[in-house]
Amino acid sequence: MKTLCVAVLVCAVASFALFPCAAEAQVSAQKLMRDSKVITQQELIEKAKEALQKGGVNLYGANIIYDDGNKFWQERVAFLEKDTSQNHGILPHGILRDKEYQVVFFDFVESSPVDDTWVFLDPKTGEVISVYEEK
Protein backbone atom coordinates (compact mmCIF):
# COMPACT_ATOMS: atom_id res chain seq x y z
CA MET A 1 0.00 0.00 0.00
CA LYS A 2 2.84 2.34 0.89
CA THR A 3 4.47 1.64 -2.52
CA LEU A 4 1.21 2.47 -4.31
CA CYS A 5 0.92 5.82 -2.51
CA VAL A 6 4.50 6.71 -3.39
CA ALA A 7 3.86 5.79 -7.04
CA VAL A 8 0.73 8.00 -7.18
CA LEU A 9 2.61 10.86 -5.51
CA VAL A 10 5.48 10.56 -8.02
CA CYS A 11 3.00 10.58 -10.94
CA ALA A 12 1.22 13.63 -9.56
CA VAL A 13 4.45 15.58 -9.10
CA ALA A 14 5.64 14.59 -12.58
CA SER A 15 2.38 15.70 -14.22
CA PHE A 16 2.53 19.09 -12.47
CA ALA A 17 6.11 19.51 -13.61
CA LEU A 18 5.16 18.73 -17.22
CA PHE A 19 1.95 20.79 -17.23
CA PRO A 20 3.63 24.11 -18.25
CA CYS A 21 5.37 22.37 -21.17
CA ALA A 22 2.12 20.80 -22.34
CA ALA A 23 0.28 24.12 -22.10
CA GLU A 24 3.07 25.88 -24.02
CA ALA A 25 2.98 23.18 -26.71
CA GLN A 26 -0.78 23.59 -27.06
CA VAL A 27 -0.46 27.36 -27.46
CA SER A 28 2.28 26.88 -30.07
CA ALA A 29 0.11 24.40 -31.98
CA GLN A 30 -2.84 26.82 -31.94
CA LYS A 31 -0.63 29.65 -33.23
CA LEU A 32 0.74 27.44 -36.01
CA MET A 33 -2.80 26.47 -37.05
CA ARG A 34 -3.84 30.12 -37.10
CA ASP A 35 -0.75 31.19 -39.07
CA SER A 36 -1.09 28.40 -41.66
CA LYS A 37 -4.74 28.99 -42.48
CA VAL A 38 -5.85 26.91 -45.42
CA ILE A 39 -7.51 28.93 -48.16
CA THR A 40 -10.67 27.27 -49.39
CA GLN A 41 -11.76 26.75 -52.95
CA GLN A 42 -14.47 29.39 -52.56
CA GLU A 43 -11.99 31.93 -51.17
CA LEU A 44 -9.71 31.38 -54.18
CA ILE A 45 -12.66 31.89 -56.54
CA GLU A 46 -13.57 35.12 -54.73
CA LYS A 47 -9.99 36.40 -54.95
CA ALA A 48 -9.91 35.63 -58.69
CA LYS A 49 -13.22 37.45 -59.18
CA GLU A 50 -11.94 40.46 -57.23
CA ALA A 51 -8.79 40.60 -59.37
CA LEU A 52 -10.79 40.75 -62.60
CA GLN A 53 -13.33 43.21 -61.23
CA LYS A 54 -10.53 45.53 -60.09
CA GLY A 55 -9.34 45.43 -63.70
CA GLY A 56 -12.76 46.65 -64.83
CA VAL A 57 -14.10 43.30 -66.03
CA ASN A 58 -17.86 42.75 -65.78
CA LEU A 59 -18.39 39.14 -64.72
CA TYR A 60 -22.06 39.05 -65.72
CA GLY A 61 -22.81 35.84 -67.59
CA ALA A 62 -19.41 34.26 -66.98
CA ASN A 63 -19.19 30.62 -65.98
CA ILE A 64 -16.58 30.40 -63.24
CA ILE A 65 -14.72 27.12 -63.01
CA TYR A 66 -12.35 26.09 -60.24
CA ASP A 67 -9.88 23.99 -62.21
CA ASP A 68 -9.26 21.22 -59.70
CA GLY A 69 -5.75 19.92 -60.17
CA ASN A 70 -5.24 22.44 -63.03
CA LYS A 71 -6.19 19.67 -65.48
CA PHE A 72 -8.26 21.89 -67.75
CA TRP A 73 -5.41 24.41 -67.95
CA GLN A 74 -2.85 21.70 -68.78
CA GLU A 75 -5.07 20.48 -71.63
CA ARG A 76 -5.43 24.05 -72.90
CA VAL A 77 -1.68 24.68 -72.78
CA ALA A 78 -1.04 21.51 -74.78
CA PHE A 79 -3.51 22.73 -77.42
CA LEU A 80 -2.15 26.28 -77.51
CA GLU A 81 1.42 25.10 -77.89
CA LYS A 82 0.41 23.14 -81.03
CA ASP A 83 -1.84 25.84 -82.51
CA THR A 84 0.37 28.60 -83.90
CA SER A 85 -2.56 30.62 -85.30
CA GLN A 86 -3.62 32.00 -81.93
CA ASN A 87 -1.99 34.93 -80.21
CA HIS A 88 -0.52 33.14 -77.25
CA GLY A 89 2.89 34.67 -77.04
CA ILE A 90 2.21 35.74 -73.47
CA LEU A 91 1.17 32.35 -72.12
CA PRO A 92 2.03 32.43 -68.44
CA HIS A 93 3.40 28.92 -68.18
CA GLY A 94 6.87 30.45 -68.19
CA ILE A 95 5.88 32.71 -65.30
CA LEU A 96 4.44 29.75 -63.45
CA ARG A 97 7.49 27.54 -63.79
CA ASP A 98 8.59 26.21 -60.41
CA LYS A 99 5.56 27.76 -58.69
CA GLU A 100 2.65 26.07 -57.03
CA TYR A 101 -0.57 27.55 -58.42
CA GLN A 102 -4.30 27.05 -58.66
CA VAL A 103 -6.28 28.06 -61.73
CA VAL A 104 -9.73 29.65 -61.80
CA PHE A 105 -11.19 29.80 -65.31
CA PHE A 106 -13.73 32.40 -66.47
CA ASP A 107 -15.71 31.19 -69.47
CA PHE A 108 -17.40 34.29 -70.90
CA VAL A 109 -20.40 34.17 -73.23
CA GLU A 110 -19.76 34.82 -76.93
CA SER A 111 -21.36 38.28 -76.80
CA SER A 112 -19.08 39.42 -73.98
CA PRO A 113 -16.40 42.01 -74.79
CA VAL A 114 -14.04 39.95 -72.62
CA ASP A 115 -12.47 36.74 -73.88
CA ASP A 116 -12.10 33.62 -71.76
CA THR A 117 -9.71 34.32 -68.90
CA TRP A 118 -7.51 32.22 -66.66
CA VAL A 119 -6.51 33.51 -63.22
CA PHE A 120 -3.53 31.88 -61.52
CA LEU A 121 -3.38 32.09 -57.73
CA ASP A 122 -1.01 30.96 -55.02
CA PRO A 123 -3.08 28.25 -53.26
CA LYS A 124 -1.53 29.01 -49.87
CA THR A 125 -1.86 32.80 -49.80
CA GLY A 126 -4.55 33.47 -52.41
CA GLU A 127 -2.27 36.03 -54.09
CA VAL A 128 -2.85 36.46 -57.82
CA ILE A 129 0.27 35.34 -59.69
CA SER A 130 -0.90 36.10 -63.22
CA VAL A 131 -3.95 36.58 -65.44
CA TYR A 132 -4.16 35.28 -68.99
CA GLU A 133 -6.93 36.41 -71.35
CA GLU A 134 -7.26 34.42 -74.53
CA LYS A 135 -7.21 36.51 -77.68
C-alpha atoms as a PDB file:
ATOM      1  CA  MET A   1       0.000   0.000   0.000  1.00  0.00           C
ATOM      2  CA  LYS A   2       2.838   2.343   0.888  1.00  0.00           C
ATOM      3  CA  THR A   3       4.473   1.644  -2.519  1.00  0.00           C
ATOM      4  CA  LEU A   4       1.207   2.475  -4.305  1.00  0.00           C
ATOM      5  CA  CYS A   5       0.918   5.824  -2.506  1.00  0.00           C
ATOM      6  CA  VAL A   6       4.503   6.707  -3.387  1.00  0.00           C
ATOM      7  CA  ALA A   7       3.864   5.792  -7.043  1.00  0.00           C
ATOM      8  CA  VAL A   8       0.727   7.996  -7.183  1.00  0.00           C
ATOM      9  CA  LEU A   9       2.606  10.858  -5.514  1.00  0.00           C
ATOM     10  CA  VAL A  10       5.479  10.565  -8.024  1.00  0.00           C
ATOM     11  CA  CYS A  11       3.004  10.581 -10.943  1.00  0.00           C
ATOM     12  CA  ALA A  12       1.218  13.631  -9.561  1.00  0.00           C
ATOM     13  CA  VAL A  13       4.455  15.585  -9.100  1.00  0.00           C
ATOM     14  CA  ALA A  14       5.640  14.594 -12.576  1.00  0.00           C
ATOM     15  CA  SER A  15       2.378  15.698 -14.217  1.00  0.00           C
ATOM     16  CA  PHE A  16       2.526  19.092 -12.469  1.00  0.00           C
ATOM     17  CA  ALA A  17       6.108  19.513 -13.606  1.00  0.00           C
ATOM     18  CA  LEU A  18       5.159  18.727 -17.216  1.00  0.00           C
ATOM     19  CA  PHE A  19       1.952  20.792 -17.232  1.00  0.00           C
ATOM     20  CA  PRO A  20       3.628  24.107 -18.254  1.00  0.00           C
ATOM     21  CA  CYS A  21       5.365  22.371 -21.169  1.00  0.00           C
ATOM     22  CA  ALA A  22       2.116  20.798 -22.338  1.00  0.00           C
ATOM     23  CA  ALA A  23       0.282  24.123 -22.099  1.00  0.00           C
ATOM     24  CA  GLU A  24       3.066  25.883 -24.023  1.00  0.00           C
ATOM     25  CA  ALA A  25       2.984  23.179 -26.712  1.00  0.00           C
ATOM     26  CA  GLN A  26      -0.778  23.586 -27.058  1.00  0.00           C
ATOM     27  CA  VAL A  27      -0.463  27.360 -27.456  1.00  0.00           C
ATOM     28  CA  SER A  28       2.282  26.875 -30.066  1.00  0.00           C
ATOM     29  CA  ALA A  29       0.112  24.402 -31.981  1.00  0.00           C
ATOM     30  CA  GLN A  30      -2.837  26.818 -31.942  1.00  0.00           C
ATOM     31  CA  LYS A  31      -0.626  29.646 -33.229  1.00  0.00           C
ATOM     32  CA  LEU A  32       0.735  27.438 -36.011  1.00  0.00           C
ATOM     33  CA  MET A  33      -2.800  26.468 -37.047  1.00  0.00           C
ATOM     34  CA  ARG A  34      -3.839  30.125 -37.100  1.00  0.00           C
ATOM     35  CA  ASP A  35      -0.751  31.194 -39.074  1.00  0.00           C
ATOM     36  CA  SER A  36      -1.088  28.403 -41.663  1.00  0.00           C
ATOM     37  CA  LYS A  37      -4.742  28.992 -42.476  1.00  0.00           C
ATOM     38  CA  VAL A  38      -5.854  26.910 -45.423  1.00  0.00           C
ATOM     39  CA  ILE A  39      -7.511  28.928 -48.165  1.00  0.00           C
ATOM     40  CA  THR A  40     -10.668  27.272 -49.393  1.00  0.00           C
ATOM     41  CA  GLN A  41     -11.762  26.748 -52.955  1.00  0.00           C
ATOM     42  CA  GLN A  42     -14.474  29.385 -52.562  1.00  0.00           C
ATOM     43  CA  GLU A  43     -11.987  31.926 -51.174  1.00  0.00           C
ATOM     44  CA  LEU A  44      -9.709  31.382 -54.182  1.00  0.00           C
ATOM     45  CA  ILE A  45     -12.661  31.891 -56.536  1.00  0.00           C
ATOM     46  CA  GLU A  46     -13.567  35.117 -54.733  1.00  0.00           C
ATOM     47  CA  LYS A  47      -9.986  36.401 -54.953  1.00  0.00           C
ATOM     48  CA  ALA A  48      -9.908  35.627 -58.694  1.00  0.00           C
ATOM     49  CA  LYS A  49     -13.220  37.455 -59.179  1.00  0.00           C
ATOM     50  CA  GLU A  50     -11.941  40.460 -57.230  1.00  0.00           C
ATOM     51  CA  ALA A  51      -8.792  40.603 -59.368  1.00  0.00           C
ATOM     52  CA  LEU A  52     -10.790  40.749 -62.604  1.00  0.00           C
ATOM     53  CA  GLN A  53     -13.334  43.211 -61.227  1.00  0.00           C
ATOM     54  CA  LYS A  54     -10.530  45.535 -60.093  1.00  0.00           C
ATOM     55  CA  GLY A  55      -9.339  45.433 -63.695  1.00  0.00           C
ATOM     56  CA  GLY A  56     -12.760  46.647 -64.831  1.00  0.00           C
ATOM     57  CA  VAL A  57     -14.099  43.297 -66.033  1.00  0.00           C
ATOM     58  CA  ASN A  58     -17.862  42.754 -65.784  1.00  0.00           C
ATOM     59  CA  LEU A  59     -18.394  39.136 -64.725  1.00  0.00           C
ATOM     60  CA  TYR A  60     -22.059  39.046 -65.725  1.00  0.00           C
ATOM     61  CA  GLY A  61     -22.813  35.835 -67.591  1.00  0.00           C
ATOM     62  CA  ALA A  62     -19.408  34.260 -66.984  1.00  0.00           C
ATOM     63  CA  ASN A  63     -19.185  30.624 -65.984  1.00  0.00           C
ATOM     64  CA  ILE A  64     -16.580  30.399 -63.244  1.00  0.00           C
ATOM     65  CA  ILE A  65     -14.723  27.117 -63.012  1.00  0.00           C
ATOM     66  CA  TYR A  66     -12.348  26.093 -60.237  1.00  0.00           C
ATOM     67  CA  ASP A  67      -9.878  23.987 -62.211  1.00  0.00           C
ATOM     68  CA  ASP A  68      -9.261  21.222 -59.698  1.00  0.00           C
ATOM     69  CA  GLY A  69      -5.746  19.925 -60.173  1.00  0.00           C
ATOM     70  CA  ASN A  70      -5.243  22.440 -63.027  1.00  0.00           C
ATOM     71  CA  LYS A  71      -6.190  19.668 -65.476  1.00  0.00           C
ATOM     72  CA  PHE A  72      -8.262  21.892 -67.748  1.00  0.00           C
ATOM     73  CA  TRP A  73      -5.408  24.413 -67.948  1.00  0.00           C
ATOM     74  CA  GLN A  74      -2.849  21.700 -68.782  1.00  0.00           C
ATOM     75  CA  GLU A  75      -5.072  20.477 -71.629  1.00  0.00           C
ATOM     76  CA  ARG A  76      -5.434  24.046 -72.900  1.00  0.00           C
ATOM     77  CA  VAL A  77      -1.683  24.681 -72.779  1.00  0.00           C
ATOM     78  CA  ALA A  78      -1.041  21.510 -74.785  1.00  0.00           C
ATOM     79  CA  PHE A  79      -3.512  22.727 -77.423  1.00  0.00           C
ATOM     80  CA  LEU A  80      -2.154  26.283 -77.511  1.00  0.00           C
ATOM     81  CA  GLU A  81       1.424  25.100 -77.894  1.00  0.00           C
ATOM     82  CA  LYS A  82       0.411  23.137 -81.029  1.00  0.00           C
ATOM     83  CA  ASP A  83      -1.839  25.842 -82.508  1.00  0.00           C
ATOM     84  CA  THR A  84       0.373  28.596 -83.904  1.00  0.00           C
ATOM     85  CA  SER A  85      -2.561  30.616 -85.302  1.00  0.00           C
ATOM     86  CA  GLN A  86      -3.624  31.999 -81.934  1.00  0.00           C
ATOM     87  CA  ASN A  87      -1.990  34.934 -80.209  1.00  0.00           C
ATOM     88  CA  HIS A  88      -0.523  33.138 -77.249  1.00  0.00           C
ATOM     89  CA  GLY A  89       2.892  34.675 -77.040  1.00  0.00           C
ATOM     90  CA  ILE A  90       2.205  35.742 -73.469  1.00  0.00           C
ATOM     91  CA  LEU A  91       1.167  32.355 -72.122  1.00  0.00           C
ATOM     92  CA  PRO A  92       2.034  32.431 -68.444  1.00  0.00           C
ATOM     93  CA  HIS A  93       3.402  28.916 -68.184  1.00  0.00           C
ATOM     94  CA  GLY A  94       6.865  30.449 -68.189  1.00  0.00           C
ATOM     95  CA  ILE A  95       5.882  32.708 -65.302  1.00  0.00           C
ATOM     96  CA  LEU A  96       4.438  29.747 -63.454  1.00  0.00           C
ATOM     97  CA  ARG A  97       7.487  27.540 -63.793  1.00  0.00           C
ATOM     98  CA  ASP A  98       8.586  26.208 -60.406  1.00  0.00           C
ATOM     99  CA  LYS A  99       5.557  27.761 -58.692  1.00  0.00           C
ATOM    100  CA  GLU A 100       2.651  26.070 -57.034  1.00  0.00           C
ATOM    101  CA  TYR A 101      -0.566  27.549 -58.417  1.00  0.00           C
ATOM    102  CA  GLN A 102      -4.297  27.055 -58.661  1.00  0.00           C
ATOM    103  CA  VAL A 103      -6.283  28.058 -61.730  1.00  0.00           C
ATOM    104  CA  VAL A 104      -9.729  29.648 -61.802  1.00  0.00           C
ATOM    105  CA  PHE A 105     -11.195  29.799 -65.310  1.00  0.00           C
ATOM    106  CA  PHE A 106     -13.735  32.398 -66.469  1.00  0.00           C
ATOM    107  CA  ASP A 107     -15.713  31.192 -69.469  1.00  0.00           C
ATOM    108  CA  PHE A 108     -17.399  34.295 -70.901  1.00  0.00           C
ATOM    109  CA  VAL A 109     -20.398  34.174 -73.232  1.00  0.00           C
ATOM    110  CA  GLU A 110     -19.758  34.819 -76.928  1.00  0.00           C
ATOM    111  CA  SER A 111     -21.360  38.282 -76.804  1.00  0.00           C
ATOM    112  CA  SER A 112     -19.082  39.423 -73.979  1.00  0.00           C
ATOM    113  CA  PRO A 113     -16.401  42.012 -74.786  1.00  0.00           C
ATOM    114  CA  VAL A 114     -14.043  39.954 -72.623  1.00  0.00           C
ATOM    115  CA  ASP A 115     -12.472  36.741 -73.876  1.00  0.00           C
ATOM    116  CA  ASP A 116     -12.102  33.618 -71.764  1.00  0.00           C
ATOM    117  CA  THR A 117      -9.708  34.319 -68.901  1.00  0.00           C
ATOM    118  CA  TRP A 118      -7.507  32.225 -66.663  1.00  0.00           C
ATOM    119  CA  VAL A 119      -6.506  33.514 -63.224  1.00  0.00           C
ATOM    120  CA  PHE A 120      -3.528  31.882 -61.516  1.00  0.00           C
ATOM    121  CA  LEU A 121      -3.380  32.090 -57.727  1.00  0.00           C
ATOM    122  CA  ASP A 122      -1.013  30.961 -55.017  1.00  0.00           C
ATOM    123  CA  PRO A 123      -3.082  28.251 -53.262  1.00  0.00           C
ATOM    124  CA  LYS A 124      -1.526  29.014 -49.869  1.00  0.00           C
ATOM    125  CA  THR A 125      -1.860  32.799 -49.799  1.00  0.00           C
ATOM    126  CA  GLY A 126      -4.550  33.473 -52.410  1.00  0.00           C
ATOM    127  CA  GLU A 127      -2.265  36.026 -54.085  1.00  0.00           C
ATOM    128  CA  VAL A 128      -2.847  36.459 -57.821  1.00  0.00           C
ATOM    129  CA  ILE A 129       0.266  35.337 -59.693  1.00  0.00           C
ATOM    130  CA  SER A 130      -0.897  36.100 -63.218  1.00  0.00           C
ATOM    131  CA  VAL A 131      -3.951  36.576 -65.438  1.00  0.00           C
ATOM    132  CA  TYR A 132      -4.164  35.281 -68.992  1.00  0.00           C
ATOM    133  CA  GLU A 133      -6.934  36.415 -71.351  1.00  0.00           C
ATOM    134  CA  GLU A 134      -7.258  34.421 -74.526  1.00  0.00           C
ATOM    135  CA  LYS A 135      -7.205  36.508 -77.683  1.00  0.00           C
END
